[in-house]
Structure formats: structure tokens, C-alpha cells
Amino acid sequence: MNIAKRRGMARARVAVARKLAVILHRMWVDATDFRFGKQPAALAA
């Protein structure tokens, strides 16, 4: 919402989409599974 306030809603949408795309790309490259929640990676392994 900070980006939306400063730069506009369109740029905020692009920023969120880019962030999600980067996360999904890294998951795809590393072949990692999606873990829902805030569980630390050390406990999930």
C-alpha cells in the first residue's frame, strides 16, 4: 500500500506481480515445495 500511495495503484500492482513472479521462478528453478504459513525453513526440512 505504501507504493500505491506514493506511485499509484497501477505501479503497485506491477510491483506485487513482479515479487510473486520472482518467488515462483525461484521455486521452479530450485524445485522447492510451497509452504503456507510462517514456519521457519529449518523446521520444514
PDB file of N, CA and C in Angstrom:
ATOM      1  N   MET A   1       0.824  -1.195   0.000  1.00  0.00           N
ATOM      2  CA  MET A   1       0.000   0.000   0.000  1.00  0.00           C
ATOM      3  C   MET A   1       0.870   1.262   0.000  1.00  0.00           C
ATOM      4  N   ASN A   2       2.082   1.147   0.530  1.00  0.00           N
ATOM      5  CA  ASN A   2       2.964   2.318   0.512  1.00  0.00           C
ATOM      6  C   ASN A   2       3.297   2.737  -0.905  1.00  0.00           C
ATOM      7  N   ILE A   3       3.549   1.751  -1.770  1.00  0.00           N
ATOM      8  CA  ILE A   3       3.844   2.066  -3.174  1.00  0.00           C
ATOM      9  C   ILE A   3       2.618   2.684  -3.828  1.00  0.00           C
ATOM     10  N   ALA A   4       1.440   2.159  -3.530  1.00  0.00           N
ATOM     11  CA  ALA A   4       0.208   2.686  -4.123  1.00  0.00           C
ATOM     12  C   ALA A   4      -0.015   4.139  -3.720  1.00  0.00           C
ATOM     13  N   LYS A   5       0.303   4.466  -2.487  1.00  0.00           N
ATOM     14  CA  LYS A   5       0.132   5.845  -2.026  1.00  0.00           C
ATOM     15  C   LYS A   5       1.117   6.791  -2.711  1.00  0.00           C
ATOM     16  N   ARG A   6       2.357   6.308  -2.890  1.00  0.00           N
ATOM     17  CA  ARG A   6       3.391   7.166  -3.463  1.00  0.00           C
ATOM     18  C   ARG A   6       3.355   7.205  -4.989  1.00  0.00           C
ATOM     19  N   ARG A   7       3.191   6.043  -5.635  1.00  0.00           N
ATOM     20  CA  ARG A   7       3.387   5.956  -7.081  1.00  0.00           C
ATOM     21  C   ARG A   7       2.121   5.637  -7.867  1.00  0.00           C
ATOM     22  N   GLY A   8       1.050   5.245  -7.186  1.00  0.00           N
ATOM     23  CA  GLY A   8      -0.182   4.923  -7.885  1.00  0.00           C
ATOM     24  C   GLY A   8      -0.491   3.437  -7.837  1.00  0.00           C
ATOM     25  N   MET A   9      -1.762   3.128  -8.022  1.00  0.00           N
ATOM     26  CA  MET A   9      -2.221   1.748  -7.902  1.00  0.00           C
ATOM     27  C   MET A   9      -1.672   0.861  -9.020  1.00  0.00           C
ATOM     28  N   ALA A  10      -1.515   1.395 -10.222  1.00  0.00           N
ATOM     29  CA  ALA A  10      -1.016   0.581 -11.336  1.00  0.00           C
ATOM     30  C   ALA A  10       0.401   0.079 -11.061  1.00  0.00           C
ATOM     31  N   ARG A  11       1.265   0.960 -10.569  1.00  0.00           N
ATOM     32  CA  ARG A  11       2.636   0.546 -10.258  1.00  0.00           C
ATOM     33  C   ARG A  11       2.664  -0.421  -9.083  1.00  0.00           C
ATOM     34  N   ALA A  12       1.770  -0.247  -8.145  1.00  0.00           N
ATOM     35  CA  ALA A  12       1.705  -1.163  -7.004  1.00  0.00           C
ATOM     36  C   ALA A  12       1.340  -2.565  -7.474  1.00  0.00           C
ATOM     37  N   ARG A  13       0.401  -2.661  -8.408  1.00  0.00           N
ATOM     38  CA  ARG A  13       0.022  -3.971  -8.958  1.00  0.00           C
ATOM     39  C   ARG A  13       1.206  -4.626  -9.655  1.00  0.00           C
ATOM     40  N   VAL A  14       1.937  -3.860 -10.423  1.00  0.00           N
ATOM     41  CA  VAL A  14       3.101  -4.396 -11.126  1.00  0.00           C
ATOM     42  C   VAL A  14       4.157  -4.849 -10.129  1.00  0.00           C
ATOM     43  N   ALA A  15       4.358  -4.099  -9.066  1.00  0.00           N
ATOM     44  CA  ALA A  15       5.344  -4.461  -8.045  1.00  0.00           C
ATOM     45  C   ALA A  15       4.978  -5.773  -7.369  1.00  0.00           C
ATOM     46  N   VAL A  16       3.710  -5.951  -7.038  1.00  0.00           N
ATOM     47  CA  VAL A  16       3.265  -7.190  -6.395  1.00  0.00           C
ATOM     48  C   VAL A  16       3.383  -8.357  -7.373  1.00  0.00           C
ATOM     49  N   ALA A  17       3.011  -8.144  -8.625  1.00  0.00           N
ATOM     50  CA  ALA A  17       3.106  -9.200  -9.632  1.00  0.00           C
ATOM     51  C   ALA A  17       4.559  -9.612  -9.847  1.00  0.00           C
ATOM     52  N   ARG A  18       5.453  -8.635  -9.878  1.00  0.00           N
ATOM     53  CA  ARG A  18       6.878  -8.951 -10.061  1.00  0.00           C
ATOM     54  C   ARG A  18       7.425  -9.738  -8.874  1.00  0.00           C
ATOM     55  N   LYS A  19       7.048  -9.326  -7.669  1.00  0.00           N
ATOM     56  CA  LYS A  19       7.510 -10.023  -6.469  1.00  0.00           C
ATOM     57  C   LYS A  19       7.042 -11.478  -6.472  1.00  0.00           C
ATOM     58  N   LEU A  20       5.785 -11.687  -6.820  1.00  0.00           N
ATOM     59  CA  LEU A  20       5.242 -13.036  -6.891  1.00  0.00           C
ATOM     60  C   LEU A  20       5.938 -13.844  -7.984  1.00  0.00           C
ATOM     61  N   ALA A  21       6.188 -13.231  -9.146  1.00  0.00           N
ATOM     62  CA  ALA A  21       6.855 -13.919 -10.247  1.00  0.00           C
ATOM     63  C   ALA A  21       8.268 -14.356  -9.867  1.00  0.00           C
ATOM     64  N   VAL A  22       8.988 -13.501  -9.145  1.00  0.00           N
ATOM     65  CA  VAL A  22      10.338 -13.849  -8.717  1.00  0.00           C
ATOM     66  C   VAL A  22      10.306 -15.028  -7.751  1.00  0.00           C
ATOM     67  N   ILE A  23       9.386 -15.010  -6.815  1.00  0.00           N
ATOM     68  CA  ILE A  23       9.271 -16.108  -5.846  1.00  0.00           C
ATOM     69  C   ILE A  23       8.930 -17.410  -6.567  1.00  0.00           C
ATOM     70  N   LEU A  24       7.954 -17.364  -7.468  1.00  0.00           N
ATOM     71  CA  LEU A  24       7.558 -18.569  -8.190  1.00  0.00           C
ATOM     72  C   LEU A  24       8.679 -19.076  -9.093  1.00  0.00           C
ATOM     73  N   HIS A  25       9.416 -18.183  -9.711  1.00  0.00           N
ATOM     74  CA  HIS A  25      10.533 -18.606 -10.558  1.00  0.00           C
ATOM     75  C   HIS A  25      11.600 -19.309  -9.736  1.00  0.00           C
ATOM     76  N   ARG A  26      11.930 -18.771  -8.576  1.00  0.00           N
ATOM     77  CA  ARG A  26      12.932 -19.416  -7.717  1.00  0.00           C
ATOM     78  C   ARG A  26      12.455 -20.785  -7.254  1.00  0.00           C
ATOM     79  N   MET A  27      11.164 -20.897  -6.934  1.00  0.00           N
ATOM     80  CA  MET A  27      10.619 -22.199  -6.540  1.00  0.00           C
ATOM     81  C   MET A  27      10.733 -23.190  -7.691  1.00  0.00           C
ATOM     82  N   TRP A  28      10.479 -22.731  -8.902  1.00  0.00           N
ATOM     83  CA  TRP A  28      10.547 -23.582 -10.080  1.00  0.00           C
ATOM     84  C   TRP A  28      11.985 -24.030 -10.343  1.00  0.00           C
ATOM     85  N   VAL A  29      12.941 -23.107 -10.274  1.00  0.00           N
ATOM     86  CA  VAL A  29      14.337 -23.417 -10.546  1.00  0.00           C
ATOM     87  C   VAL A  29      14.891 -24.373  -9.486  1.00  0.00           C
ATOM     88  N   ASP A  30      14.560 -24.118  -8.207  1.00  0.00           N
ATOM     89  CA  ASP A  30      15.074 -24.942  -7.113  1.00  0.00           C
ATOM     90  C   ASP A  30      14.270 -26.215  -6.896  1.00  0.00           C
ATOM     91  N   ALA A  31      13.113 -26.328  -7.540  1.00  0.00           N
ATOM     92  CA  ALA A  31      12.196 -27.460  -7.369  1.00  0.00           C
ATOM     93  C   ALA A  31      11.770 -27.606  -5.908  1.00  0.00           C
ATOM     94  N   THR A  32      11.520 -26.472  -5.246  1.00  0.00           N
ATOM     95  CA  THR A  32      11.071 -26.495  -3.856  1.00  0.00           C
ATOM     96  C   THR A  32       9.552 -26.522  -3.799  1.00  0.00           C
ATOM     97  N   ASP A  33       9.023 -27.031  -2.709  1.00  0.00           N
ATOM     98  CA  ASP A  33       7.584 -27.104  -2.499  1.00  0.00           C
ATOM     99  C   ASP A  33       7.083 -25.828  -1.839  1.00  0.00           C
ATOM    100  N   PHE A  34       5.829 -25.516  -2.091  1.00  0.00           N
ATOM    101  CA  PHE A  34       5.197 -24.350  -1.467  1.00  0.00           C
ATOM    102  C   PHE A  34       4.853 -24.687  -0.033  1.00  0.00           C
ATOM    103  N   ARG A  35       5.239 -23.820   0.889  1.00  0.00           N
ATOM    104  CA  ARG A  35       4.916 -23.991   2.307  1.00  0.00           C
ATOM    105  C   ARG A  35       4.080 -22.802   2.748  1.00  0.00           C
ATOM    106  N   PHE A  36       2.841 -23.054   3.104  1.00  0.00           N
ATOM    107  CA  PHE A  36       1.951 -21.993   3.530  1.00  0.00           C
ATOM    108  C   PHE A  36       2.204 -21.679   4.997  1.00  0.00           C
ATOM    109  N   GLY A  37       2.278 -20.415   5.333  1.00  0.00           N
ATOM    110  CA  GLY A  37       2.449 -20.012   6.720  1.00  0.00           C
ATOM    111  C   GLY A  37       3.820 -19.428   6.973  1.00  0.00           C
ATOM    112  N   LYS A  38       4.103 -19.163   8.229  1.00  0.00           N
ATOM    113  CA  LYS A  38       5.352 -18.506   8.612  1.00  0.00           C
ATOM    114  C   LYS A  38       6.282 -19.461   9.336  1.00  0.00           C
ATOM    115  N   GLN A  39       6.177 -20.736   9.011  1.00  0.00           N
ATOM    116  CA  GLN A  39       7.044 -21.723   9.633  1.00  0.00           C
ATOM    117  C   GLN A  39       8.471 -21.552   9.121  1.00  0.00           C
ATOM    118  N   PRO A  40       9.455 -21.505  10.006  1.00  0.00           N
ATOM    119  CA  PRO A  40      10.850 -21.349   9.569  1.00  0.00           C
ATOM    120  C   PRO A  40      11.277 -22.504   8.664  1.00  0.00           C
ATOM    121  N   ALA A  41      12.159 -22.248   7.745  1.00  0.00           N
ATOM    122  CA  ALA A  41      12.618 -23.260   6.797  1.00  0.00           C
ATOM    123  C   ALA A  41      13.318 -24.418   7.504  1.00  0.00           C
ATOM    124  N   ALA A  42      14.000 -24.140   8.611  1.00  0.00           N
ATOM    125  CA  ALA A  42      14.714 -25.191   9.332  1.00  0.00           C
ATOM    126  C   ALA A  42      13.758 -26.239   9.888  1.00  0.00           C
ATOM    127  N   LEU A  43      12.582 -25.816  10.324  1.00  0.00           N
ATOM    128  CA  LEU A  43      11.596 -26.762  10.853  1.00  0.00           C
ATOM    129  C   LEU A  43      10.871 -27.517   9.748  1.00  0.00           C
ATOM    130  N   ALA A  44      10.751 -26.919   8.590  1.00  0.00           N
ATOM    131  CA  ALA A  44      10.026 -27.541   7.486  1.00  0.00           C
ATOM    132  C   ALA A  44      10.846 -28.658   6.840  1.00  0.00           C
ATOM    133  N   ALA A  45      12.167 -28.581   6.944  1.00  0.00           N
ATOM    134  CA  ALA A  45      13.029 -29.575   6.280  1.00  0.00           C
ATOM    135  C   ALA A  45      13.125 -30.865   7.035  1.00  0.00           C
TER     136      ALA A  45
END
